[in-house]
């Protein structure tokens, strides 16, 4: 009976998603959805995602925008009567969907994550000015130009208040052992990619 309940996709999530073994513990109370500040924007709130996993709906779960909307506020974790690590599971599902090549097209959070990661890997620390200037252009040059022009007063105010260092646009400074940092990240990625889908 228990083995029938643990369908193939549930076993896959348990084996490959951070804290995925907790999915089967959800009692469908909805406290997570009611606690989420972005709850009304989710296609599928967390408890529905968990039920879909338990129902074996692999493609529907891994291609939804839902887990990409999690902002890590941890309200759901705090209010879950079973103590499920919902935030970790949602981020784990997003990461697993990415590894499976199933990120929804033009997903803004995924685009930002890629931009942030590329920025971090260049010097071992985030160049906030470069990252901030690149964000309006995530949806194309024309759109980015409109947003940049709209925010020019804000940018000038930040420069005057010394909240932005224009020299950072030239690259900024790197961490001491950038090569060691990059090797460690590469090794972690290799280890992550060797995980086998059950």
N, C-alpha and C. Protein backbone atom coordinates (compact mmCIF):
# COMPACT_ATOMS: atom_id res chain seq x y z
N UNK A 1 0.83 -1.20 0.00
CA UNK A 1 0.00 0.00 0.00
C UNK A 1 0.87 1.25 0.00
N UNK A 2 1.87 1.31 0.92
CA UNK A 2 2.74 2.48 0.99
C UNK A 2 3.53 2.65 -0.30
N UNK A 3 3.97 1.55 -0.89
CA UNK A 3 4.75 1.61 -2.12
C UNK A 3 3.91 2.15 -3.27
N UNK A 4 2.62 1.81 -3.31
CA UNK A 4 1.74 2.35 -4.34
C UNK A 4 1.59 3.86 -4.19
N UNK A 5 1.55 4.31 -2.93
CA UNK A 5 1.42 5.75 -2.66
C UNK A 5 2.66 6.50 -3.16
N UNK A 6 3.83 5.88 -2.99
CA UNK A 6 5.08 6.52 -3.40
C UNK A 6 5.31 6.26 -4.88
N UNK A 7 4.64 7.01 -5.73
CA UNK A 7 4.78 6.83 -7.17
C UNK A 7 6.18 7.20 -7.64
N UNK A 8 6.42 6.97 -8.89
CA UNK A 8 7.76 7.18 -9.45
C UNK A 8 8.22 8.64 -9.29
N UNK A 9 7.33 9.59 -9.56
CA UNK A 9 7.73 11.00 -9.46
C UNK A 9 8.00 11.40 -8.01
N UNK A 10 7.20 10.91 -7.09
CA UNK A 10 7.46 11.20 -5.67
C UNK A 10 8.84 10.67 -5.28
N UNK A 11 9.19 9.46 -5.71
CA UNK A 11 10.52 8.91 -5.42
C UNK A 11 11.62 9.75 -6.07
N UNK A 12 11.34 10.25 -7.26
CA UNK A 12 12.30 11.11 -7.97
C UNK A 12 12.54 12.40 -7.18
N UNK A 13 11.47 12.99 -6.68
CA UNK A 13 11.57 14.22 -5.87
C UNK A 13 12.32 13.93 -4.57
N UNK A 14 11.99 12.82 -3.92
CA UNK A 14 12.67 12.46 -2.68
C UNK A 14 14.18 12.32 -2.89
N UNK A 15 14.57 11.77 -4.03
CA UNK A 15 15.99 11.51 -4.31
C UNK A 15 16.75 12.71 -4.84
N UNK A 16 16.05 13.65 -5.48
CA UNK A 16 16.76 14.70 -6.21
C UNK A 16 16.47 16.13 -5.81
N UNK A 17 15.49 16.33 -4.96
CA UNK A 17 15.11 17.69 -4.56
C UNK A 17 15.45 17.89 -3.10
N UNK A 18 16.09 19.03 -2.81
CA UNK A 18 16.45 19.32 -1.41
C UNK A 18 15.22 19.19 -0.52
N UNK A 19 15.33 18.38 0.54
CA UNK A 19 14.26 18.14 1.52
C UNK A 19 13.02 17.51 0.90
N UNK A 20 13.17 16.93 -0.30
CA UNK A 20 12.03 16.36 -1.02
C UNK A 20 11.32 15.24 -0.30
N UNK A 21 12.01 14.58 0.62
CA UNK A 21 11.39 13.49 1.36
C UNK A 21 10.24 13.96 2.25
N UNK A 22 10.16 15.28 2.48
CA UNK A 22 9.09 15.84 3.33
C UNK A 22 7.77 16.01 2.59
N UNK A 23 7.78 15.96 1.27
CA UNK A 23 6.57 16.23 0.49
C UNK A 23 5.41 15.35 0.94
N UNK A 24 5.68 14.08 1.22
CA UNK A 24 4.60 13.15 1.60
C UNK A 24 4.00 13.45 2.97
N UNK A 25 4.63 14.36 3.73
CA UNK A 25 4.14 14.69 5.07
C UNK A 25 3.09 15.81 5.06
N UNK A 26 2.88 16.45 3.91
CA UNK A 26 1.93 17.56 3.82
C UNK A 26 0.51 17.06 4.09
N UNK A 27 -0.22 17.78 4.97
CA UNK A 27 -1.60 17.39 5.31
C UNK A 27 -2.64 18.25 4.58
N UNK A 28 -2.18 19.07 3.63
CA UNK A 28 -3.07 19.87 2.78
C UNK A 28 -3.92 20.87 3.56
N UNK A 29 -3.35 21.46 4.60
CA UNK A 29 -4.12 22.41 5.42
C UNK A 29 -4.20 23.80 4.76
N UNK A 30 -3.23 24.13 3.92
CA UNK A 30 -3.24 25.43 3.24
C UNK A 30 -2.61 26.56 4.02
N UNK A 31 -2.02 26.28 5.18
CA UNK A 31 -1.39 27.34 5.97
C UNK A 31 -0.27 28.01 5.19
N UNK A 32 0.43 27.24 4.38
CA UNK A 32 1.54 27.80 3.59
C UNK A 32 1.02 28.83 2.59
N UNK A 33 -0.03 28.49 1.88
CA UNK A 33 -0.59 29.40 0.87
C UNK A 33 -1.16 30.65 1.50
N UNK A 34 -1.85 30.47 2.63
CA UNK A 34 -2.43 31.62 3.34
C UNK A 34 -1.37 32.53 3.94
N UNK A 35 -0.18 32.01 4.16
CA UNK A 35 0.90 32.79 4.76
C UNK A 35 1.76 33.51 3.74
N UNK A 36 1.67 33.10 2.48
CA UNK A 36 2.58 33.61 1.45
C UNK A 36 2.15 34.99 0.97
N UNK A 37 3.06 35.98 1.03
CA UNK A 37 2.70 37.32 0.55
C UNK A 37 2.42 37.35 -0.95
N UNK A 38 2.93 36.37 -1.69
CA UNK A 38 2.67 36.31 -3.14
C UNK A 38 1.67 35.21 -3.49
N UNK A 39 1.02 34.65 -2.48
CA UNK A 39 0.12 33.51 -2.68
C UNK A 39 -0.89 33.68 -3.79
N UNK A 40 -1.45 34.87 -3.95
CA UNK A 40 -2.50 35.06 -4.96
C UNK A 40 -1.95 35.02 -6.38
N UNK A 41 -0.63 35.10 -6.53
CA UNK A 41 -0.04 35.09 -7.86
C UNK A 41 0.41 33.69 -8.30
N UNK A 42 0.37 32.73 -7.40
CA UNK A 42 0.84 31.38 -7.71
C UNK A 42 -0.17 30.64 -8.57
N UNK A 43 0.30 29.97 -9.62
CA UNK A 43 -0.56 29.06 -10.39
C UNK A 43 -1.01 27.91 -9.49
N UNK A 44 -0.04 27.42 -8.72
CA UNK A 44 -0.29 26.29 -7.81
C UNK A 44 0.41 26.59 -6.50
N UNK A 45 -0.33 26.78 -5.41
CA UNK A 45 0.31 27.01 -4.11
C UNK A 45 1.06 25.76 -3.65
N UNK A 46 1.94 25.89 -2.66
CA UNK A 46 2.77 24.75 -2.25
C UNK A 46 2.00 23.46 -1.97
N UNK A 47 0.90 23.54 -1.20
CA UNK A 47 0.22 22.28 -0.88
C UNK A 47 -0.33 21.62 -2.14
N UNK A 48 -0.71 22.43 -3.13
CA UNK A 48 -1.20 21.87 -4.40
C UNK A 48 -0.04 21.23 -5.17
N UNK A 49 1.12 21.88 -5.14
CA UNK A 49 2.32 21.31 -5.78
C UNK A 49 2.63 19.96 -5.15
N UNK A 50 2.56 19.89 -3.82
CA UNK A 50 2.87 18.64 -3.13
C UNK A 50 1.87 17.54 -3.51
N UNK A 51 0.59 17.90 -3.62
CA UNK A 51 -0.42 16.92 -4.03
C UNK A 51 -0.18 16.48 -5.47
N UNK A 52 0.22 17.41 -6.33
CA UNK A 52 0.51 17.06 -7.73
C UNK A 52 1.70 16.10 -7.81
N UNK A 53 2.69 16.32 -6.95
CA UNK A 53 3.84 15.40 -6.91
C UNK A 53 3.35 14.02 -6.51
N UNK A 54 2.52 13.97 -5.48
CA UNK A 54 2.02 12.69 -4.99
C UNK A 54 1.08 12.03 -6.01
N UNK A 55 0.53 12.83 -6.92
CA UNK A 55 -0.34 12.28 -7.97
C UNK A 55 0.46 11.91 -9.22
N UNK A 56 1.79 12.16 -9.19
CA UNK A 56 2.64 11.77 -10.30
C UNK A 56 2.62 12.74 -11.48
N UNK A 57 2.23 13.98 -11.25
CA UNK A 57 2.12 14.95 -12.35
C UNK A 57 3.46 15.66 -12.59
N UNK A 58 4.42 14.92 -13.07
CA UNK A 58 5.80 15.40 -13.21
C UNK A 58 5.91 16.65 -14.08
N UNK A 59 5.42 16.56 -15.31
CA UNK A 59 5.58 17.68 -16.24
C UNK A 59 4.87 18.94 -15.72
N UNK A 60 3.66 18.78 -15.21
CA UNK A 60 2.91 19.93 -14.70
C UNK A 60 3.65 20.62 -13.56
N UNK A 61 4.26 19.83 -12.69
CA UNK A 61 4.99 20.41 -11.55
C UNK A 61 6.26 21.10 -12.02
N UNK A 62 7.05 20.43 -12.84
CA UNK A 62 8.37 20.95 -13.20
C UNK A 62 8.32 22.08 -14.24
N UNK A 63 7.16 22.30 -14.85
CA UNK A 63 7.07 23.40 -15.82
C UNK A 63 6.23 24.58 -15.31
N UNK A 64 5.74 24.49 -14.09
CA UNK A 64 4.95 25.60 -13.56
C UNK A 64 5.86 26.75 -13.12
N UNK A 65 5.29 27.94 -13.08
CA UNK A 65 6.00 29.12 -12.57
C UNK A 65 6.03 29.16 -11.05
N UNK A 66 5.20 28.33 -10.42
CA UNK A 66 4.95 28.44 -8.98
C UNK A 66 6.20 28.54 -8.13
N UNK A 67 7.09 27.56 -8.22
CA UNK A 67 8.24 27.56 -7.30
C UNK A 67 9.23 28.69 -7.57
N UNK A 68 9.13 29.30 -8.73
CA UNK A 68 10.02 30.42 -9.05
C UNK A 68 9.57 31.71 -8.36
N UNK A 69 8.37 31.72 -7.80
CA UNK A 69 7.86 32.93 -7.14
C UNK A 69 8.24 33.01 -5.67
N UNK A 70 8.82 31.96 -5.12
CA UNK A 70 9.16 31.96 -3.69
C UNK A 70 10.24 33.00 -3.41
N UNK A 71 9.97 33.88 -2.43
CA UNK A 71 10.92 34.95 -2.09
C UNK A 71 11.73 34.64 -0.83
N UNK A 72 11.61 33.43 -0.32
CA UNK A 72 12.35 33.01 0.88
C UNK A 72 12.00 33.83 2.12
N UNK A 73 10.73 34.16 2.28
CA UNK A 73 10.32 34.89 3.49
C UNK A 73 10.16 33.94 4.68
N UNK A 74 10.00 32.65 4.39
CA UNK A 74 9.89 31.59 5.40
C UNK A 74 8.60 31.64 6.23
N UNK A 75 7.62 32.46 5.83
CA UNK A 75 6.34 32.45 6.54
C UNK A 75 5.72 31.06 6.53
N UNK A 76 5.81 30.38 5.37
CA UNK A 76 5.21 29.05 5.25
C UNK A 76 5.87 28.06 6.20
N UNK A 77 7.20 28.10 6.30
CA UNK A 77 7.91 27.19 7.20
C UNK A 77 7.47 27.40 8.64
N UNK A 78 7.38 28.66 9.03
CA UNK A 78 7.05 29.00 10.42
C UNK A 78 5.63 28.55 10.76
N UNK A 79 4.71 28.68 9.81
CA UNK A 79 3.30 28.41 10.11
C UNK A 79 2.85 26.99 9.80
N UNK A 80 3.70 26.19 9.16
CA UNK A 80 3.31 24.83 8.82
C UNK A 80 3.17 23.99 10.09
N UNK A 81 1.99 23.41 10.34
CA UNK A 81 1.81 22.63 11.57
C UNK A 81 2.66 21.36 11.61
N UNK A 82 3.12 20.90 10.46
CA UNK A 82 3.98 19.71 10.41
C UNK A 82 5.46 20.07 10.40
N UNK A 83 5.77 21.37 10.30
CA UNK A 83 7.16 21.81 10.29
C UNK A 83 7.90 21.48 9.00
N UNK A 84 7.17 21.42 7.90
CA UNK A 84 7.80 21.11 6.62
C UNK A 84 8.72 22.26 6.17
N UNK A 85 9.87 21.93 5.58
CA UNK A 85 10.79 22.95 5.06
C UNK A 85 10.34 23.39 3.67
N UNK A 86 9.20 24.03 3.60
CA UNK A 86 8.54 24.34 2.32
C UNK A 86 9.41 25.20 1.43
N UNK A 87 10.04 26.22 2.00
CA UNK A 87 10.90 27.11 1.21
C UNK A 87 12.01 26.32 0.53
N UNK A 88 12.65 25.42 1.27
CA UNK A 88 13.74 24.61 0.71
C UNK A 88 13.22 23.70 -0.41
N UNK A 89 12.05 23.14 -0.19
CA UNK A 89 11.47 22.25 -1.21
C UNK A 89 11.17 23.03 -2.48
N UNK A 90 10.57 24.21 -2.34
CA UNK A 90 10.22 25.01 -3.52
C UNK A 90 11.46 25.42 -4.30
N UNK A 91 12.50 25.86 -3.58
CA UNK A 91 13.75 26.21 -4.27
C UNK A 91 14.39 24.97 -4.88
N UNK A 92 14.30 23.85 -4.17
CA UNK A 92 14.84 22.60 -4.68
C UNK A 92 14.13 22.16 -5.95
N UNK A 93 12.82 22.33 -6.01
CA UNK A 93 12.05 21.99 -7.22
C UNK A 93 12.46 22.89 -8.39
N UNK A 94 12.64 24.19 -8.11
CA UNK A 94 13.07 25.11 -9.17
C UNK A 94 14.44 24.70 -9.70
N UNK A 95 15.35 24.38 -8.79
CA UNK A 95 16.69 23.97 -9.19
C UNK A 95 16.65 22.66 -9.99
N UNK A 96 15.81 21.73 -9.56
CA UNK A 96 15.71 20.45 -10.26
C UNK A 96 15.09 20.65 -11.64
N UNK A 97 14.07 21.50 -11.74
CA UNK A 97 13.46 21.80 -13.04
C UNK A 97 14.50 22.39 -13.99
N UNK A 98 15.36 23.25 -13.46
CA UNK A 98 16.43 23.84 -14.28
C UNK A 98 17.38 22.76 -14.77
N UNK A 99 17.78 21.85 -13.88
CA UNK A 99 18.69 20.77 -14.26
C UNK A 99 18.05 19.86 -15.31
N UNK A 100 16.73 19.76 -15.29
CA UNK A 100 16.03 18.93 -16.26
C UNK A 100 15.71 19.68 -17.56
N UNK A 101 16.08 20.97 -17.62
CA UNK A 101 15.81 21.77 -18.81
C UNK A 101 14.34 22.12 -18.96
N UNK A 102 13.63 22.26 -17.84
CA UNK A 102 12.18 22.49 -17.88
C UNK A 102 11.77 23.85 -17.31
N UNK A 103 12.68 24.81 -17.29
CA UNK A 103 12.33 26.15 -16.79
C UNK A 103 11.36 26.79 -17.78
N UNK A 104 10.25 27.35 -17.32
CA UNK A 104 9.31 28.01 -18.23
C UNK A 104 10.01 29.12 -19.03
N UNK A 105 9.64 29.25 -20.29
CA UNK A 105 10.26 30.26 -21.16
C UNK A 105 10.04 31.66 -20.58
N UNK A 106 11.05 32.49 -20.67
CA UNK A 106 11.00 33.89 -20.21
C UNK A 106 10.64 34.02 -18.74
N UNK A 107 11.00 33.06 -17.93
CA UNK A 107 10.73 33.12 -16.49
C UNK A 107 11.64 34.18 -15.88
N UNK A 108 11.10 35.31 -15.36
CA UNK A 108 11.94 36.41 -14.90
C UNK A 108 12.86 36.06 -13.73
N UNK A 109 12.39 35.25 -12.79
CA UNK A 109 13.24 34.89 -11.66
C UNK A 109 14.43 34.06 -12.12
N UNK A 110 14.19 33.16 -13.07
CA UNK A 110 15.28 32.34 -13.61
C UNK A 110 16.28 33.21 -14.36
N UNK A 111 15.77 34.19 -15.09
CA UNK A 111 16.67 35.12 -15.80
C UNK A 111 17.54 35.89 -14.81
N UNK A 112 16.90 36.38 -13.75
CA UNK A 112 17.65 37.12 -12.73
C UNK A 112 18.69 36.22 -12.08
N UNK A 113 18.30 35.00 -11.75
CA UNK A 113 19.23 34.07 -11.10
C UNK A 113 20.45 33.83 -11.98
N UNK A 114 20.25 33.68 -13.30
CA UNK A 114 21.36 33.47 -14.23
C UNK A 114 22.27 34.70 -14.26
N UNK A 115 21.66 35.88 -14.32
CA UNK A 115 22.42 37.13 -14.35
C UNK A 115 23.23 37.30 -13.07
N UNK A 116 22.60 37.02 -11.92
CA UNK A 116 23.26 37.12 -10.62
C UNK A 116 24.45 36.15 -10.56
N UNK A 117 24.21 34.90 -10.99
CA UNK A 117 25.25 33.87 -10.95
C UNK A 117 26.44 34.25 -11.83
N UNK A 118 26.17 34.70 -13.06
CA UNK A 118 27.26 35.09 -13.97
C UNK A 118 28.05 36.25 -13.39
N UNK A 119 27.36 37.19 -12.76
CA UNK A 119 28.00 38.35 -12.14
C UNK A 119 28.90 37.87 -10.99
N UNK A 120 28.40 37.00 -10.16
CA UNK A 120 29.16 36.48 -9.02
C UNK A 120 30.40 35.73 -9.47
N UNK A 121 30.27 34.91 -10.49
CA UNK A 121 31.38 34.05 -10.92
C UNK A 121 32.52 34.84 -11.56
N UNK A 122 32.26 36.05 -12.03
CA UNK A 122 33.31 36.84 -12.68
C UNK A 122 34.41 37.23 -11.71
N UNK A 123 34.05 37.68 -10.51
CA UNK A 123 35.05 38.16 -9.55
C UNK A 123 34.96 37.48 -8.18
N UNK A 124 33.97 36.60 -8.01
CA UNK A 124 33.82 35.93 -6.72
C UNK A 124 32.97 36.73 -5.75
N UNK A 125 32.49 37.86 -6.18
CA UNK A 125 31.58 38.70 -5.39
C UNK A 125 30.66 39.42 -6.37
N UNK A 126 29.52 39.85 -5.90
CA UNK A 126 28.56 40.50 -6.78
C UNK A 126 28.93 41.96 -6.98
N UNK A 127 29.00 42.37 -8.23
CA UNK A 127 29.18 43.77 -8.58
C UNK A 127 27.78 44.37 -8.69
N UNK A 128 27.35 45.02 -7.62
CA UNK A 128 25.97 45.50 -7.54
C UNK A 128 25.63 46.50 -8.64
N UNK A 129 26.58 47.36 -8.98
CA UNK A 129 26.29 48.36 -10.02
C UNK A 129 26.04 47.68 -11.36
N UNK A 130 26.93 46.77 -11.74
CA UNK A 130 26.76 46.07 -13.02
C UNK A 130 25.46 45.26 -13.03
N UNK A 131 25.20 44.58 -11.92
CA UNK A 131 23.97 43.78 -11.84
C UNK A 131 22.75 44.68 -11.93
N UNK A 132 22.75 45.76 -11.16
CA UNK A 132 21.61 46.69 -11.17
C UNK A 132 21.37 47.32 -12.53
N UNK A 133 22.44 47.67 -13.21
CA UNK A 133 22.29 48.29 -14.53
C UNK A 133 21.81 47.29 -15.59
N UNK A 134 22.10 46.02 -15.37
CA UNK A 134 21.71 45.01 -16.37
C UNK A 134 20.24 44.58 -16.22
N UNK A 135 19.67 44.73 -15.04
CA UNK A 135 18.33 44.21 -14.79
C UNK A 135 17.23 44.77 -15.69
N UNK A 136 17.22 46.09 -15.96
CA UNK A 136 16.14 46.58 -16.83
C UNK A 136 16.18 45.95 -18.23
N UNK A 137 17.33 45.41 -18.63
CA UNK A 137 17.49 44.89 -19.98
C UNK A 137 17.21 43.39 -20.09
N UNK A 138 16.70 42.78 -19.00
CA UNK A 138 16.39 41.35 -19.03
C UNK A 138 15.35 41.02 -20.10
N UNK A 139 14.45 41.96 -20.37
CA UNK A 139 13.39 41.71 -21.35
C UNK A 139 13.62 42.42 -22.67
N UNK A 140 14.90 42.67 -22.98
CA UNK A 140 15.24 43.28 -24.26
C UNK A 140 15.76 44.70 -24.12
N UNK A 141 16.47 45.13 -25.15
CA UNK A 141 17.12 46.43 -25.12
C UNK A 141 16.11 47.58 -25.07
N UNK A 142 15.07 47.52 -25.91
CA UNK A 142 14.08 48.60 -25.96
C UNK A 142 13.39 48.80 -24.62
N UNK A 143 12.95 47.70 -24.03
CA UNK A 143 12.29 47.76 -22.72
C UNK A 143 13.25 48.29 -21.66
N UNK A 144 14.51 47.83 -21.73
CA UNK A 144 15.52 48.26 -20.77
C UNK A 144 15.79 49.74 -20.85
N UNK A 145 15.83 50.26 -22.06
CA UNK A 145 16.07 51.69 -22.26
C UNK A 145 14.94 52.52 -21.66
N UNK A 146 13.70 52.07 -21.84
CA UNK A 146 12.55 52.78 -21.27
C UNK A 146 12.65 52.81 -19.74
N UNK A 147 12.96 51.66 -19.15
CA UNK A 147 13.06 51.58 -17.68
C UNK A 147 14.22 52.43 -17.19
N UNK A 148 15.36 52.38 -17.89
CA UNK A 148 16.54 53.16 -17.49
C UNK A 148 16.23 54.66 -17.54
N UNK A 149 15.56 55.11 -18.58
CA UNK A 149 15.21 56.53 -18.69
C UNK A 149 14.24 56.94 -17.59
N UNK A 150 13.31 56.07 -17.28
CA UNK A 150 12.32 56.35 -16.24
C UNK A 150 12.99 56.49 -14.87
N UNK A 151 14.10 55.73 -14.67
CA UNK A 151 14.76 55.71 -13.37
C UNK A 151 16.02 56.57 -13.29
N UNK A 152 16.22 57.44 -14.27
CA UNK A 152 17.46 58.22 -14.28
C UNK A 152 17.59 59.15 -13.07
N UNK A 153 16.49 59.72 -12.58
CA UNK A 153 16.56 60.59 -11.40
C UNK A 153 17.01 59.79 -10.17
N UNK A 154 16.46 58.60 -10.05
CA UNK A 154 16.85 57.72 -8.94
C UNK A 154 18.34 57.41 -9.01
N UNK A 155 18.81 57.09 -10.20
CA UNK A 155 20.23 56.79 -10.40
C UNK A 155 21.12 57.96 -10.02
N UNK A 156 20.74 59.14 -10.43
CA UNK A 156 21.54 60.34 -10.11
C UNK A 156 21.53 60.60 -8.60
N UNK A 157 20.39 60.39 -7.97
CA UNK A 157 20.30 60.56 -6.51
C UNK A 157 21.21 59.57 -5.80
N UNK A 158 21.24 58.34 -6.29
CA UNK A 158 22.11 57.33 -5.68
C UNK A 158 23.58 57.69 -5.86
N UNK A 159 23.93 58.23 -7.02
CA UNK A 159 25.32 58.66 -7.25
C UNK A 159 25.70 59.78 -6.29
N UNK A 160 24.81 60.78 -6.16
CA UNK A 160 25.09 61.92 -5.27
C UNK A 160 25.22 61.47 -3.81
N UNK A 161 24.40 60.50 -3.42
CA UNK A 161 24.43 60.02 -2.04
C UNK A 161 25.54 58.97 -1.83
N UNK A 162 26.32 58.74 -2.86
CA UNK A 162 27.42 57.75 -2.83
C UNK A 162 26.93 56.34 -2.53
N UNK A 163 25.73 56.05 -3.03
CA UNK A 163 25.19 54.69 -2.90
C UNK A 163 25.60 53.84 -4.11
N UNK A 164 26.22 54.49 -5.11
CA UNK A 164 26.75 53.78 -6.27
C UNK A 164 28.15 54.31 -6.54
N UNK A 165 29.06 53.41 -6.83
CA UNK A 165 30.42 53.80 -7.18
C UNK A 165 30.60 53.58 -8.67
N UNK A 166 30.70 54.69 -9.46
CA UNK A 166 30.80 54.54 -10.91
C UNK A 166 32.02 53.72 -11.35
N UNK A 167 33.05 53.64 -10.50
CA UNK A 167 34.25 52.87 -10.87
C UNK A 167 33.95 51.37 -10.89
N UNK A 168 32.89 50.97 -10.21
CA UNK A 168 32.53 49.55 -10.20
C UNK A 168 32.15 49.05 -11.59
N UNK A 169 31.71 49.95 -12.47
CA UNK A 169 31.33 49.55 -13.82
C UNK A 169 32.53 48.97 -14.57
N UNK A 170 33.74 49.36 -14.15
CA UNK A 170 34.95 48.86 -14.79
C UNK A 170 35.29 47.44 -14.34
N UNK A 171 34.58 46.94 -13.38
CA UNK A 171 34.79 45.55 -12.99
C UNK A 171 34.84 45.32 -11.51
N UNK A 172 35.30 46.29 -10.74
CA UNK A 172 35.39 46.10 -9.30
C UNK A 172 36.55 45.18 -8.95
N UNK A 173 36.67 44.84 -7.68
CA UNK A 173 37.79 44.01 -7.27
C UNK A 173 37.33 42.57 -7.01
N UNK A 174 38.27 41.66 -7.22
CA UNK A 174 37.98 40.24 -7.07
C UNK A 174 38.35 39.76 -5.67
N UNK A 175 37.84 38.60 -5.29
CA UNK A 175 38.25 38.00 -4.03
C UNK A 175 39.70 37.53 -4.17
N UNK A 176 40.36 37.25 -3.06
CA UNK A 176 41.78 36.90 -3.08
C UNK A 176 42.08 35.65 -3.89
N UNK A 177 41.31 34.59 -3.68
CA UNK A 177 41.59 33.33 -4.38
C UNK A 177 40.45 33.02 -5.36
N UNK A 178 40.33 33.85 -6.39
CA UNK A 178 39.26 33.69 -7.38
C UNK A 178 39.34 32.33 -8.07
N UNK A 179 40.55 31.93 -8.42
CA UNK A 179 40.72 30.65 -9.11
C UNK A 179 40.29 29.48 -8.22
N UNK A 180 40.63 29.52 -6.94
CA UNK A 180 40.21 28.48 -6.00
C UNK A 180 38.71 28.45 -5.83
N UNK A 181 38.11 29.64 -5.75
CA UNK A 181 36.66 29.76 -5.63
C UNK A 181 35.97 29.14 -6.85
N UNK A 182 36.44 29.48 -8.04
CA UNK A 182 35.84 28.97 -9.26
C UNK A 182 36.00 27.45 -9.38
N UNK A 183 37.15 26.94 -8.95
CA UNK A 183 37.37 25.48 -8.98
C UNK A 183 36.41 24.78 -8.01
N UNK A 184 36.23 25.37 -6.83
CA UNK A 184 35.32 24.77 -5.83
C UNK A 184 33.89 24.74 -6.37
N UNK A 185 33.46 25.82 -7.01
CA UNK A 185 32.10 25.87 -7.57
C UNK A 185 31.96 24.85 -8.69
N UNK A 186 32.99 24.74 -9.54
CA UNK A 186 32.95 23.78 -10.65
C UNK A 186 32.83 22.35 -10.10
N UNK A 187 33.58 22.04 -9.06
CA UNK A 187 33.53 20.71 -8.45
C UNK A 187 32.14 20.45 -7.85
N UNK A 188 31.57 21.45 -7.19
CA UNK A 188 30.22 21.31 -6.62
C UNK A 188 29.20 21.04 -7.73
N UNK A 189 29.33 21.73 -8.86
CA UNK A 189 28.41 21.52 -9.98
C UNK A 189 28.56 20.11 -10.55
N UNK A 190 29.81 19.64 -10.64
CA UNK A 190 30.05 18.28 -11.13
C UNK A 190 29.38 17.25 -10.21
N UNK A 191 29.55 17.45 -8.92
CA UNK A 191 28.93 16.53 -7.96
C UNK A 191 27.41 16.57 -8.06
N UNK A 192 26.87 17.77 -8.21
CA UNK A 192 25.41 17.93 -8.33
C UNK A 192 24.89 17.21 -9.57
N UNK A 193 25.65 17.30 -10.66
CA UNK A 193 25.21 16.70 -11.92
C UNK A 193 25.35 15.18 -11.94
N UNK A 194 26.05 14.60 -10.97
CA UNK A 194 26.19 13.15 -10.94
C UNK A 194 25.05 12.48 -10.20
N UNK A 195 24.16 13.28 -9.60
CA UNK A 195 23.01 12.66 -8.89
C UNK A 195 22.15 11.91 -9.90
N UNK A 196 21.72 10.73 -9.53
CA UNK A 196 20.96 9.88 -10.43
C UNK A 196 19.47 9.98 -10.10
N UNK A 197 18.68 10.13 -11.16
CA UNK A 197 17.21 10.14 -10.99
C UNK A 197 16.76 8.72 -10.69
N UNK A 198 16.01 8.54 -9.59
CA UNK A 198 15.57 7.18 -9.22
C UNK A 198 14.33 6.78 -9.99
